[in-house]
Amino acid sequence: MKYNDREVPEVVIKRLSRYYRYLGEYLNEGVERISSGKLSERMKVTASQIRQDFNYFGGFGQQGYGYNVEYVYNEIANILGLKDGYRAVIIGAGHLGLALANHESFKKRGFDIMALFDNDKDKIGNVVNSKPILDVADIENFIKKNDISIAIMTLPKVRVNDIASKLVDWGIKGIWNFTSAEIVTEKPVAVENVHMSDSLMTLSCKIKQGD
């Protein structure tokens, strides 16, 4: 990612979401100003690392004065695109798709899940958390009509790349991929892979090393 023509490492982008979450907690606690040292205690990264990360985006504060929590919180929201708001659909109404549809925090972050799609006739027509489950055959029209930006993929691996390229053609700008498939499309699209089994194996490694 580039910010003001400066290349920002992906690891820094990933930490931005954590900064946003923890700064939100400080706001809820009524904290108005915070030092990098204090923020580091909650973030579990060094104060120096926090300052380096923030310097990619102009610094956000004055040396010796700390950071205005609300200001930095809002600036990070802008950088992450949360102020724009996004409409999303879930493709695959299995257990995971249904769990994501019932997750209440997405809308608070600016992500509005509009519908789920599936090819199971027993599921089509049902409603989950006020979101309809629609026939996957109708997805193109729905995406175009409702200005959908994000597709959340929770369908079987073998079907992912059959639909991914079509989604991009229909206007999808980002894919949140919960399958183990590596998404390949002719046109560029932002992809965030969530490999839960990889995460579980990482946890296993940490337990092993701790032992």
N, C-alpha and C. Protein backbone atom coordinates (compact mmCIF):
# COMPACT_ATOMS: atom_id res chain seq x y z
N MET A 1 0.84 -1.20 0.00
CA MET A 1 0.00 0.00 0.00
C MET A 1 0.88 1.25 0.00
N LYS A 2 0.41 2.29 -0.70
CA LYS A 2 1.11 3.56 -0.69
C LYS A 2 0.26 4.61 0.02
N TYR A 3 0.95 5.46 0.79
CA TYR A 3 0.29 6.57 1.46
C TYR A 3 1.10 7.82 1.16
N ASN A 4 0.47 8.77 0.45
CA ASN A 4 1.19 9.98 0.01
C ASN A 4 2.48 9.61 -0.71
N ASP A 5 2.38 8.65 -1.63
CA ASP A 5 3.50 8.18 -2.47
C ASP A 5 4.60 7.47 -1.68
N ARG A 6 4.33 7.13 -0.44
CA ARG A 6 5.30 6.39 0.37
C ARG A 6 4.80 4.97 0.57
N GLU A 7 5.64 3.99 0.30
CA GLU A 7 5.26 2.59 0.45
C GLU A 7 5.18 2.23 1.92
N VAL A 8 4.04 1.67 2.32
CA VAL A 8 3.83 1.29 3.71
C VAL A 8 3.80 -0.25 3.79
N PRO A 9 4.66 -0.85 4.60
CA PRO A 9 4.69 -2.32 4.71
C PRO A 9 3.35 -2.88 5.17
N GLU A 10 3.01 -4.07 4.67
CA GLU A 10 1.74 -4.68 5.03
C GLU A 10 1.62 -4.92 6.53
N VAL A 11 2.73 -5.23 7.18
CA VAL A 11 2.69 -5.49 8.62
C VAL A 11 2.24 -4.23 9.38
N VAL A 12 2.60 -3.06 8.86
CA VAL A 12 2.17 -1.81 9.48
C VAL A 12 0.67 -1.62 9.29
N ILE A 13 0.17 -1.93 8.09
CA ILE A 13 -1.26 -1.84 7.82
C ILE A 13 -2.04 -2.74 8.77
N LYS A 14 -1.53 -3.96 8.99
CA LYS A 14 -2.21 -4.89 9.89
C LYS A 14 -2.24 -4.34 11.32
N ARG A 15 -1.16 -3.65 11.72
CA ARG A 15 -1.16 -3.08 13.07
C ARG A 15 -2.12 -1.91 13.19
N LEU A 16 -2.41 -1.21 12.08
CA LEU A 16 -3.33 -0.07 12.14
C LEU A 16 -4.69 -0.48 12.70
N SER A 17 -5.16 -1.66 12.31
CA SER A 17 -6.47 -2.09 12.81
C SER A 17 -6.43 -2.30 14.32
N ARG A 18 -5.28 -2.75 14.83
CA ARG A 18 -5.14 -2.92 16.28
C ARG A 18 -5.07 -1.57 16.97
N TYR A 19 -4.32 -0.63 16.38
CA TYR A 19 -4.28 0.73 16.94
C TYR A 19 -5.70 1.30 17.02
N TYR A 20 -6.45 1.11 15.96
CA TYR A 20 -7.81 1.64 15.91
C TYR A 20 -8.66 1.04 17.02
N ARG A 21 -8.54 -0.27 17.21
CA ARG A 21 -9.34 -0.95 18.23
C ARG A 21 -8.97 -0.47 19.63
N TYR A 22 -7.67 -0.39 19.92
CA TYR A 22 -7.25 0.00 21.27
C TYR A 22 -7.51 1.48 21.54
N LEU A 23 -7.33 2.32 20.52
CA LEU A 23 -7.64 3.74 20.71
C LEU A 23 -9.14 3.93 20.96
N GLY A 24 -9.96 3.08 20.31
CA GLY A 24 -11.40 3.12 20.57
C GLY A 24 -11.71 2.77 22.01
N GLU A 25 -10.96 1.81 22.56
CA GLU A 25 -11.14 1.45 23.97
C GLU A 25 -10.78 2.62 24.87
N TYR A 26 -9.68 3.30 24.55
CA TYR A 26 -9.28 4.47 25.35
C TYR A 26 -10.34 5.57 25.27
N LEU A 27 -10.91 5.77 24.09
CA LEU A 27 -11.98 6.77 23.95
C LEU A 27 -13.16 6.43 24.86
N ASN A 28 -13.54 5.16 24.86
CA ASN A 28 -14.65 4.73 25.70
C ASN A 28 -14.35 4.90 27.19
N GLU A 29 -13.07 4.86 27.53
CA GLU A 29 -12.65 5.04 28.92
C GLU A 29 -12.50 6.52 29.29
N GLY A 30 -12.70 7.40 28.31
CA GLY A 30 -12.61 8.84 28.57
C GLY A 30 -11.20 9.40 28.50
N VAL A 31 -10.26 8.64 27.96
CA VAL A 31 -8.87 9.11 27.84
C VAL A 31 -8.77 10.05 26.66
N GLU A 32 -8.22 11.23 26.88
CA GLU A 32 -8.12 12.23 25.82
C GLU A 32 -6.74 12.28 25.17
N ARG A 33 -5.71 12.01 25.94
CA ARG A 33 -4.35 12.08 25.40
C ARG A 33 -3.54 10.91 25.93
N ILE A 34 -2.65 10.39 25.08
CA ILE A 34 -1.89 9.21 25.47
C ILE A 34 -0.49 9.26 24.87
N SER A 35 0.48 8.75 25.60
CA SER A 35 1.85 8.68 25.10
C SER A 35 2.06 7.37 24.35
N SER A 36 3.10 7.32 23.53
CA SER A 36 3.42 6.08 22.83
C SER A 36 3.79 4.99 23.84
N GLY A 37 4.41 5.39 24.95
CA GLY A 37 4.77 4.41 25.98
C GLY A 37 3.55 3.77 26.60
N LYS A 38 2.52 4.57 26.89
CA LYS A 38 1.29 4.03 27.48
C LYS A 38 0.55 3.15 26.48
N LEU A 39 0.49 3.58 25.23
CA LEU A 39 -0.17 2.79 24.20
C LEU A 39 0.55 1.47 23.99
N SER A 40 1.87 1.47 24.13
CA SER A 40 2.66 0.26 23.92
C SER A 40 2.31 -0.82 24.95
N GLU A 41 1.91 -0.39 26.15
CA GLU A 41 1.55 -1.37 27.19
C GLU A 41 0.34 -2.20 26.77
N ARG A 42 -0.60 -1.56 26.09
CA ARG A 42 -1.79 -2.28 25.66
C ARG A 42 -1.55 -3.00 24.33
N MET A 43 -0.76 -2.40 23.46
CA MET A 43 -0.50 -2.98 22.15
C MET A 43 0.48 -4.15 22.20
N LYS A 44 1.33 -4.18 23.23
CA LYS A 44 2.38 -5.19 23.34
C LYS A 44 3.40 -5.08 22.21
N VAL A 45 3.65 -3.85 21.77
CA VAL A 45 4.78 -3.54 20.89
C VAL A 45 5.50 -2.36 21.52
N THR A 46 6.73 -2.12 21.10
CA THR A 46 7.52 -1.07 21.74
C THR A 46 7.00 0.31 21.35
N ALA A 47 7.27 1.28 22.22
CA ALA A 47 6.90 2.67 21.93
C ALA A 47 7.61 3.15 20.66
N SER A 48 8.85 2.70 20.48
CA SER A 48 9.61 3.06 19.28
C SER A 48 8.92 2.55 18.02
N GLN A 49 8.41 1.32 18.08
CA GLN A 49 7.71 0.76 16.92
C GLN A 49 6.45 1.56 16.61
N ILE A 50 5.73 1.97 17.64
CA ILE A 50 4.52 2.76 17.43
C ILE A 50 4.86 4.08 16.74
N ARG A 51 5.91 4.73 17.21
CA ARG A 51 6.30 6.00 16.59
C ARG A 51 6.72 5.80 15.13
N GLN A 52 7.45 4.70 14.86
CA GLN A 52 7.85 4.41 13.48
C GLN A 52 6.63 4.17 12.60
N ASP A 53 5.68 3.40 13.12
CA ASP A 53 4.46 3.13 12.35
C ASP A 53 3.71 4.43 12.05
N PHE A 54 3.53 5.26 13.05
CA PHE A 54 2.77 6.50 12.86
C PHE A 54 3.49 7.47 11.93
N ASN A 55 4.81 7.39 11.88
CA ASN A 55 5.57 8.30 11.01
C ASN A 55 5.30 8.05 9.53
N TYR A 56 4.84 6.86 9.18
CA TYR A 56 4.45 6.61 7.80
C TYR A 56 3.28 7.50 7.38
N PHE A 57 2.52 7.97 8.38
CA PHE A 57 1.30 8.73 8.10
C PHE A 57 1.37 10.16 8.65
N GLY A 58 2.56 10.63 8.89
CA GLY A 58 2.73 12.01 9.33
C GLY A 58 2.99 12.19 10.81
N GLY A 59 2.96 11.11 11.57
CA GLY A 59 3.34 11.19 12.98
C GLY A 59 2.20 11.29 13.97
N PHE A 60 1.14 12.06 13.64
CA PHE A 60 -0.07 12.18 14.48
C PHE A 60 0.11 12.95 15.79
N GLY A 61 1.32 13.34 16.15
CA GLY A 61 1.47 13.96 17.46
C GLY A 61 2.69 14.87 17.53
N GLN A 62 2.91 15.43 18.71
CA GLN A 62 4.05 16.30 18.96
C GLN A 62 4.96 15.65 19.99
N GLN A 63 6.26 15.70 19.74
CA GLN A 63 7.20 15.06 20.64
C GLN A 63 7.07 15.64 22.05
N GLY A 64 6.96 14.74 23.02
CA GLY A 64 6.84 15.15 24.41
C GLY A 64 5.44 15.54 24.81
N TYR A 65 4.52 15.54 23.84
CA TYR A 65 3.16 15.97 24.11
C TYR A 65 2.17 14.83 24.03
N GLY A 66 2.55 13.76 23.33
CA GLY A 66 1.67 12.61 23.21
C GLY A 66 0.68 12.74 22.07
N TYR A 67 -0.30 11.87 22.07
CA TYR A 67 -1.27 11.80 20.98
C TYR A 67 -2.67 12.14 21.49
N ASN A 68 -3.37 12.95 20.71
CA ASN A 68 -4.78 13.18 20.97
C ASN A 68 -5.54 11.93 20.50
N VAL A 69 -6.14 11.22 21.44
CA VAL A 69 -6.73 9.91 21.15
C VAL A 69 -7.81 10.00 20.07
N GLU A 70 -8.72 10.94 20.21
CA GLU A 70 -9.82 11.05 19.25
C GLU A 70 -9.30 11.40 17.86
N TYR A 71 -8.33 12.31 17.81
CA TYR A 71 -7.78 12.72 16.52
C TYR A 71 -7.11 11.55 15.80
N VAL A 72 -6.25 10.82 16.51
CA VAL A 72 -5.55 9.69 15.89
C VAL A 72 -6.53 8.60 15.51
N TYR A 73 -7.51 8.36 16.36
CA TYR A 73 -8.54 7.36 16.08
C TYR A 73 -9.25 7.68 14.77
N ASN A 74 -9.64 8.94 14.58
CA ASN A 74 -10.33 9.35 13.36
C ASN A 74 -9.42 9.32 12.14
N GLU A 75 -8.15 9.71 12.32
CA GLU A 75 -7.20 9.68 11.21
C GLU A 75 -6.98 8.26 10.73
N ILE A 76 -6.83 7.33 11.66
CA ILE A 76 -6.63 5.92 11.29
C ILE A 76 -7.89 5.38 10.60
N ALA A 77 -9.05 5.79 11.08
CA ALA A 77 -10.29 5.37 10.42
C ALA A 77 -10.31 5.82 8.96
N ASN A 78 -9.84 7.04 8.70
CA ASN A 78 -9.77 7.54 7.32
C ASN A 78 -8.78 6.75 6.49
N ILE A 79 -7.61 6.44 7.06
CA ILE A 79 -6.60 5.68 6.35
C ILE A 79 -7.12 4.29 6.00
N LEU A 80 -7.84 3.68 6.93
CA LEU A 80 -8.38 2.33 6.71
C LEU A 80 -9.61 2.34 5.81
N GLY A 81 -10.12 3.52 5.50
CA GLY A 81 -11.29 3.61 4.63
C GLY A 81 -12.61 3.37 5.34
N LEU A 82 -12.59 3.40 6.67
CA LEU A 82 -13.80 3.08 7.42
C LEU A 82 -14.84 4.17 7.34
N LYS A 83 -14.42 5.38 7.05
CA LYS A 83 -15.38 6.48 6.94
C LYS A 83 -16.21 6.37 5.67
N ASP A 84 -15.68 5.65 4.67
CA ASP A 84 -16.38 5.54 3.39
C ASP A 84 -17.59 4.62 3.51
N GLY A 85 -17.44 3.54 4.28
CA GLY A 85 -18.49 2.55 4.38
C GLY A 85 -18.48 1.62 3.18
N TYR A 86 -18.77 0.35 3.41
CA TYR A 86 -18.77 -0.63 2.34
C TYR A 86 -19.98 -1.54 2.47
N ARG A 87 -20.53 -1.92 1.33
CA ARG A 87 -21.58 -2.91 1.29
C ARG A 87 -20.97 -4.25 0.88
N ALA A 88 -21.40 -5.31 1.56
CA ALA A 88 -20.81 -6.62 1.32
C ALA A 88 -21.88 -7.69 1.19
N VAL A 89 -21.50 -8.79 0.55
CA VAL A 89 -22.36 -9.98 0.50
C VAL A 89 -21.53 -11.18 0.95
N ILE A 90 -22.20 -12.16 1.50
CA ILE A 90 -21.57 -13.42 1.88
C ILE A 90 -21.97 -14.48 0.86
N ILE A 91 -20.99 -15.15 0.31
CA ILE A 91 -21.26 -16.20 -0.66
C ILE A 91 -20.99 -17.54 0.01
N GLY A 92 -22.05 -18.24 0.31
CA GLY A 92 -21.96 -19.49 1.04
C GLY A 92 -22.67 -19.36 2.38
N ALA A 93 -23.85 -19.97 2.50
CA ALA A 93 -24.65 -19.83 3.72
C ALA A 93 -24.54 -21.08 4.60
N GLY A 94 -23.30 -21.59 4.73
CA GLY A 94 -23.05 -22.68 5.65
C GLY A 94 -22.88 -22.16 7.06
N HIS A 95 -22.31 -22.98 7.93
CA HIS A 95 -22.17 -22.59 9.33
C HIS A 95 -21.35 -21.31 9.48
N LEU A 96 -20.23 -21.21 8.75
CA LEU A 96 -19.38 -20.03 8.86
C LEU A 96 -20.07 -18.80 8.31
N GLY A 97 -20.69 -18.93 7.15
CA GLY A 97 -21.40 -17.80 6.56
C GLY A 97 -22.49 -17.27 7.47
N LEU A 98 -23.23 -18.19 8.10
CA LEU A 98 -24.29 -17.78 9.02
C LEU A 98 -23.72 -17.10 10.25
N ALA A 99 -22.59 -17.61 10.75
CA ALA A 99 -21.96 -17.00 11.92
C ALA A 99 -21.52 -15.58 11.61
N LEU A 100 -20.95 -15.37 10.43
CA LEU A 100 -20.50 -14.02 10.04
C LEU A 100 -21.70 -13.08 9.87
N ALA A 101 -22.79 -13.61 9.32
CA ALA A 101 -23.99 -12.79 9.14
C ALA A 101 -24.56 -12.32 10.47
N ASN A 102 -24.34 -13.11 11.51
CA ASN A 102 -24.86 -12.76 12.83
C ASN A 102 -23.90 -11.91 13.65
N HIS A 103 -22.72 -11.63 13.10
CA HIS A 103 -21.72 -10.84 13.82
C HIS A 103 -22.11 -9.37 13.80
N GLU A 104 -22.30 -8.79 14.96
CA GLU A 104 -22.85 -7.44 15.05
C GLU A 104 -21.83 -6.32 14.85
N SER A 105 -20.56 -6.64 14.97
CA SER A 105 -19.55 -5.56 14.98
C SER A 105 -19.23 -5.02 13.59
N PHE A 106 -19.57 -5.75 12.53
CA PHE A 106 -19.19 -5.31 11.19
C PHE A 106 -19.79 -3.95 10.85
N LYS A 107 -21.09 -3.80 11.13
CA LYS A 107 -21.76 -2.54 10.77
C LYS A 107 -21.20 -1.37 11.55
N LYS A 108 -20.78 -1.62 12.80
CA LYS A 108 -20.18 -0.56 13.61
C LYS A 108 -18.88 -0.06 12.99
N ARG A 109 -18.23 -0.92 12.23
CA ARG A 109 -16.96 -0.58 11.58
C ARG A 109 -17.17 -0.06 10.17
N GLY A 110 -18.43 0.04 9.72
CA GLY A 110 -18.69 0.57 8.39
C GLY A 110 -18.89 -0.48 7.32
N PHE A 111 -19.05 -1.75 7.71
CA PHE A 111 -19.26 -2.82 6.75
C PHE A 111 -20.70 -3.33 6.88
N ASP A 112 -21.49 -3.10 5.85
CA ASP A 112 -22.91 -3.45 5.89
C ASP A 112 -23.14 -4.70 5.03
N ILE A 113 -23.38 -5.83 5.69
CA ILE A 113 -23.66 -7.07 4.96
C ILE A 113 -25.11 -7.02 4.50
N MET A 114 -25.29 -7.07 3.19
CA MET A 114 -26.61 -6.87 2.60
C MET A 114 -27.39 -8.16 2.39
N ALA A 115 -26.67 -9.27 2.11
CA ALA A 115 -27.36 -10.52 1.83
C ALA A 115 -26.36 -11.67 1.82
N LEU A 116 -26.89 -12.89 1.90
CA LEU A 116 -26.10 -14.10 1.71
C LEU A 116 -26.58 -14.77 0.43
N PHE A 117 -25.69 -15.56 -0.20
CA PHE A 117 -26.06 -16.27 -1.42
C PHE A 117 -25.67 -17.74 -1.29
N ASP A 118 -26.54 -18.60 -1.81
CA ASP A 118 -26.28 -20.03 -1.76
C ASP A 118 -27.06 -20.69 -2.89
N ASN A 119 -26.72 -21.97 -3.18
CA ASN A 119 -27.46 -22.70 -4.20
C ASN A 119 -28.34 -23.79 -3.60
N ASP A 120 -28.41 -23.83 -2.26
CA ASP A 120 -29.23 -24.82 -1.56
C ASP A 120 -30.67 -24.31 -1.47
N LYS A 121 -31.58 -25.00 -2.16
CA LYS A 121 -32.97 -24.53 -2.21
C LYS A 121 -33.65 -24.52 -0.83
N ASP A 122 -33.13 -25.34 0.08
CA ASP A 122 -33.70 -25.35 1.43
C ASP A 122 -33.29 -24.11 2.23
N LYS A 123 -32.22 -23.44 1.81
CA LYS A 123 -31.76 -22.24 2.50
C LYS A 123 -32.28 -20.96 1.84
N ILE A 124 -32.41 -20.99 0.52
CA ILE A 124 -32.85 -19.81 -0.22
C ILE A 124 -34.23 -19.37 0.26
N GLY A 125 -34.35 -18.10 0.57
CA GLY A 125 -35.61 -17.56 1.05
C GLY A 125 -35.64 -17.35 2.55
N ASN A 126 -34.70 -17.98 3.27
CA ASN A 126 -34.61 -17.76 4.71
C ASN A 126 -33.98 -16.40 4.99
N VAL A 127 -34.11 -15.95 6.22
CA VAL A 127 -33.55 -14.67 6.64
C VAL A 127 -32.69 -14.90 7.88
N VAL A 128 -31.48 -14.32 7.85
CA VAL A 128 -30.54 -14.46 8.96
C VAL A 128 -30.16 -13.07 9.45
N ASN A 129 -30.54 -12.76 10.69
CA ASN A 129 -30.21 -11.44 11.25
C ASN A 129 -30.66 -10.32 10.32
N SER A 130 -31.86 -10.44 9.80
CA SER A 130 -32.51 -9.49 8.89
C SER A 130 -31.88 -9.46 7.50
N LYS A 131 -30.99 -10.42 7.21
CA LYS A 131 -30.34 -10.48 5.89
C LYS A 131 -30.89 -11.68 5.12
N PRO A 132 -31.37 -11.47 3.90
CA PRO A 132 -31.97 -12.58 3.14
C PRO A 132 -30.90 -13.52 2.57
N ILE A 133 -31.27 -14.79 2.47
CA ILE A 133 -30.44 -15.74 1.74
C ILE A 133 -31.04 -15.87 0.35
N LEU A 134 -30.26 -15.49 -0.66
CA LEU A 134 -30.76 -15.44 -2.03
C LEU A 134 -30.08 -16.50 -2.89
N ASP A 135 -30.68 -16.75 -4.04
CA ASP A 135 -30.13 -17.72 -4.98
C ASP A 135 -28.86 -17.16 -5.60
N VAL A 136 -27.79 -17.97 -5.61
CA VAL A 136 -26.52 -17.50 -6.15
C VAL A 136 -26.65 -17.12 -7.62
N ALA A 137 -27.66 -17.65 -8.29
CA ALA A 137 -27.88 -17.29 -9.70
C ALA A 137 -28.25 -15.82 -9.86
N ASP A 138 -28.69 -15.18 -8.79
CA ASP A 138 -29.11 -13.77 -8.86
C ASP A 138 -28.03 -12.80 -8.38
N ILE A 139 -26.83 -13.31 -8.15
CA ILE A 139 -25.82 -12.48 -7.49
C ILE A 139 -25.34 -11.33 -8.37
N GLU A 140 -25.19 -11.54 -9.67
CA GLU A 140 -24.71 -10.47 -10.55
C GLU A 140 -25.63 -9.25 -10.48
N ASN A 141 -26.91 -9.47 -10.64
CA ASN A 141 -27.87 -8.37 -10.62
C ASN A 141 -27.86 -7.67 -9.26
N PHE A 142 -27.77 -8.45 -8.18
CA PHE A 142 -27.79 -7.86 -6.83
C PHE A 142 -26.56 -6.98 -6.61
N ILE A 143 -25.38 -7.45 -7.02
CA ILE A 143 -24.15 -6.69 -6.84
C ILE A 143 -24.22 -5.36 -7.58
N LYS A 144 -24.67 -5.40 -8.81
CA LYS A 144 -24.73 -4.19 -9.62
C LYS A 144 -25.81 -3.22 -9.12
N LYS A 145 -26.94 -3.76 -8.71
CA LYS A 145 -28.05 -2.93 -8.27
C LYS A 145 -27.79 -2.26 -6.93
N ASN A 146 -27.03 -2.95 -6.05
CA ASN A 146 -26.84 -2.46 -4.68
C ASN A 146 -25.45 -1.92 -4.40
N ASP A 147 -24.65 -1.74 -5.45
CA ASP A 147 -23.32 -1.14 -5.30
C ASP A 147 -22.49 -1.89 -4.25
N ILE A 148 -22.37 -3.20 -4.42
CA ILE A 148 -21.63 -4.04 -3.49
C ILE A 148 -20.13 -3.96 -3.80
N SER A 149 -19.32 -3.73 -2.78
CA SER A 149 -17.87 -3.61 -2.96
C SER A 149 -17.10 -4.85 -2.53
N ILE A 150 -17.64 -5.59 -1.54
CA ILE A 150 -16.89 -6.68 -0.93
C ILE A 150 -17.68 -7.99 -1.01
N ALA A 151 -16.98 -9.06 -1.38
CA ALA A 151 -17.55 -10.40 -1.35
C ALA A 151 -16.83 -11.20 -0.27
N ILE A 152 -17.59 -11.80 0.61
CA ILE A 152 -17.03 -12.64 1.67
C ILE A 152 -17.25 -14.10 1.26
N MET A 153 -16.15 -14.81 1.03
CA MET A 153 -16.22 -16.16 0.46
C MET A 153 -16.17 -17.21 1.55
N THR A 154 -17.26 -17.95 1.71
CA THR A 154 -17.29 -19.05 2.69
C THR A 154 -17.82 -20.32 2.03
N LEU A 155 -17.65 -20.42 0.73
CA LEU A 155 -18.15 -21.56 -0.02
C LEU A 155 -17.05 -22.61 -0.18
N PRO A 156 -17.36 -23.80 -0.70
CA PRO A 156 -16.34 -24.83 -0.87
C PRO A 156 -15.19 -24.38 -1.78
N LYS A 157 -13.98 -24.83 -1.46
CA LYS A 157 -12.77 -24.42 -2.16
C LYS A 157 -12.86 -24.61 -3.67
N VAL A 158 -13.44 -25.71 -4.11
CA VAL A 158 -13.43 -26.03 -5.53
C VAL A 158 -14.23 -25.03 -6.36
N ARG A 159 -15.10 -24.28 -5.73
CA ARG A 159 -15.96 -23.35 -6.47
C ARG A 159 -15.45 -21.91 -6.45
N VAL A 160 -14.40 -21.64 -5.69
CA VAL A 160 -13.99 -20.26 -5.44
C VAL A 160 -13.56 -19.55 -6.72
N ASN A 161 -12.60 -20.12 -7.45
CA ASN A 161 -12.07 -19.40 -8.60
C ASN A 161 -13.04 -19.38 -9.78
N ASP A 162 -14.06 -20.27 -9.77
CA ASP A 162 -15.08 -20.19 -10.80
C ASP A 162 -15.86 -18.89 -10.71
N ILE A 163 -16.05 -18.43 -9.48
CA ILE A 163 -16.88 -17.23 -9.29
C ILE A 163 -16.06 -15.96 -9.06
N ALA A 164 -14.80 -16.10 -8.62
CA ALA A 164 -14.01 -14.92 -8.25
C ALA A 164 -13.84 -13.94 -9.40
N SER A 165 -13.46 -14.44 -10.58
CA SER A 165 -13.25 -13.55 -11.72
C SER A 165 -14.55 -12.87 -12.13
N LYS A 166 -15.67 -13.60 -12.04
CA LYS A 166 -16.96 -13.01 -12.37
C LYS A 166 -17.30 -11.89 -11.40
N LEU A 167 -16.99 -12.09 -10.13
CA LEU A 167 -17.27 -11.07 -9.12
C LEU A 167 -16.55 -9.77 -9.44
N VAL A 168 -15.30 -9.90 -9.86
CA VAL A 168 -14.52 -8.70 -10.21
C VAL A 168 -15.13 -8.01 -11.42
N ASP A 169 -15.54 -8.79 -12.41
CA ASP A 169 -16.19 -8.21 -13.59
C ASP A 169 -17.47 -7.48 -13.22
N TRP A 170 -18.15 -7.95 -12.18
CA TRP A 170 -19.43 -7.36 -11.77
C TRP A 170 -19.26 -6.16 -10.85
N GLY A 171 -18.02 -5.84 -10.48
CA GLY A 171 -17.78 -4.63 -9.70
C GLY A 171 -17.22 -4.83 -8.31
N ILE A 172 -16.98 -6.08 -7.90
CA ILE A 172 -16.41 -6.33 -6.58
C ILE A 172 -14.98 -5.82 -6.53
N LYS A 173 -14.66 -5.07 -5.48
CA LYS A 173 -13.33 -4.48 -5.34
C LYS A 173 -12.45 -5.21 -4.33
N GLY A 174 -13.08 -5.99 -3.45
CA GLY A 174 -12.32 -6.70 -2.43
C GLY A 174 -12.97 -8.03 -2.10
N ILE A 175 -12.13 -9.04 -1.84
CA ILE A 175 -12.62 -10.37 -1.48
C ILE A 175 -12.01 -10.77 -0.14
N TRP A 176 -12.89 -11.09 0.81
CA TRP A 176 -12.47 -11.62 2.11
C TRP A 176 -12.62 -13.13 2.01
N ASN A 177 -11.50 -13.81 1.91
CA ASN A 177 -11.49 -15.22 1.53
C ASN A 177 -11.27 -16.12 2.74
N PHE A 178 -12.34 -16.82 3.15
CA PHE A 178 -12.25 -17.75 4.27
C PHE A 178 -12.00 -19.19 3.81
N THR A 179 -11.78 -19.38 2.52
CA THR A 179 -11.50 -20.72 2.01
C THR A 179 -9.99 -20.91 1.94
N SER A 180 -9.57 -22.15 1.66
CA SER A 180 -8.14 -22.42 1.52
C SER A 180 -7.66 -22.25 0.08
N ALA A 181 -8.55 -21.81 -0.81
CA ALA A 181 -8.19 -21.60 -2.21
C ALA A 181 -7.36 -20.33 -2.37
N GLU A 182 -6.39 -20.38 -3.26
CA GLU A 182 -5.63 -19.18 -3.62
C GLU A 182 -6.36 -18.51 -4.78
N ILE A 183 -6.88 -17.33 -4.56
CA ILE A 183 -7.70 -16.66 -5.56
C ILE A 183 -6.83 -16.05 -6.66
N VAL A 184 -7.19 -16.37 -7.90
CA VAL A 184 -6.48 -15.85 -9.06
C VAL A 184 -7.51 -15.24 -10.00
N THR A 185 -7.35 -13.96 -10.33
CA THR A 185 -8.26 -13.29 -11.26
C THR A 185 -7.45 -12.54 -12.30
N GLU A 186 -8.03 -12.37 -13.48
CA GLU A 186 -7.34 -11.64 -14.55
C GLU A 186 -7.24 -10.16 -14.21
N LYS A 187 -8.30 -9.60 -13.66
CA LYS A 187 -8.30 -8.19 -13.27
C LYS A 187 -7.86 -8.08 -11.81
N PRO A 188 -7.20 -6.97 -11.43
CA PRO A 188 -6.74 -6.81 -10.05
C PRO A 188 -7.90 -6.66 -9.07
N VAL A 189 -7.75 -7.26 -7.89
CA VAL A 189 -8.74 -7.16 -6.83
C VAL A 189 -8.01 -7.31 -5.50
N ALA A 190 -8.45 -6.57 -4.50
CA ALA A 190 -7.85 -6.70 -3.17
C ALA A 190 -8.38 -7.99 -2.53
N VAL A 191 -7.45 -8.80 -2.01
CA VAL A 191 -7.82 -10.07 -1.39
C VAL A 191 -7.20 -10.15 0.00
N GLU A 192 -8.00 -10.51 0.98
CA GLU A 192 -7.50 -10.79 2.33
C GLU A 192 -7.88 -12.23 2.66
N ASN A 193 -6.85 -13.07 2.81
CA ASN A 193 -7.07 -14.48 3.09
C ASN A 193 -7.12 -14.73 4.59
N VAL A 194 -8.08 -15.52 5.01
CA VAL A 194 -8.19 -15.91 6.42
C VAL A 194 -8.12 -17.44 6.46
N HIS A 195 -6.91 -17.96 6.72
CA HIS A 195 -6.72 -19.40 6.78
C HIS A 195 -6.77 -19.83 8.24
N MET A 196 -7.93 -20.28 8.69
CA MET A 196 -8.10 -20.61 10.10
C MET A 196 -7.24 -21.80 10.53
N SER A 197 -7.06 -22.77 9.63
CA SER A 197 -6.22 -23.92 9.99
C SER A 197 -4.77 -23.50 10.17
N ASP A 198 -4.30 -22.54 9.34
CA ASP A 198 -2.94 -22.02 9.50
C ASP A 198 -2.79 -21.34 10.85
N SER A 199 -3.81 -20.57 11.23
CA SER A 199 -3.77 -19.87 12.51
C SER A 199 -3.73 -20.87 13.67
N LEU A 200 -4.51 -21.95 13.53
CA LEU A 200 -4.53 -22.97 14.58
C LEU A 200 -3.18 -23.67 14.69
N MET A 201 -2.53 -23.91 13.55
CA MET A 201 -1.21 -24.54 13.58
C MET A 201 -0.17 -23.60 14.19
N THR A 202 -0.33 -22.29 13.94
CA THR A 202 0.56 -21.31 14.58
C THR A 202 0.40 -21.35 16.10
N LEU A 203 -0.85 -21.46 16.54
CA LEU A 203 -1.11 -21.60 17.98
C LEU A 203 -0.47 -22.85 18.53
N SER A 204 -0.58 -23.95 17.79
CA SER A 204 0.05 -25.20 18.21
C SER A 204 1.56 -25.05 18.37
N CYS A 205 2.17 -24.34 17.42
CA CYS A 205 3.62 -24.11 17.48
C CYS A 205 3.99 -23.30 18.72
N LYS A 206 3.19 -22.27 19.02
CA LYS A 206 3.46 -21.44 20.19
C LYS A 206 3.36 -22.26 21.47
N ILE A 207 2.36 -23.15 21.53
CA ILE A 207 2.21 -24.02 22.71
C ILE A 207 3.42 -24.94 22.83
N LYS A 208 3.83 -25.51 21.67
CA LYS A 208 4.98 -26.41 21.66
C LYS A 208 6.24 -25.71 22.13
N GLN A 209 6.46 -24.50 21.63
CA GLN A 209 7.67 -23.75 22.02
C GLN A 209 7.60 -23.35 23.47
N GLY A 210 6.38 -23.07 23.96
CA GLY A 210 6.22 -22.73 25.37
C GLY A 210 6.53 -23.91 26.27
N ASP A 211 6.18 -25.12 25.79
CA ASP A 211 6.50 -26.32 26.56
C ASP A 211 7.99 -26.57 26.59
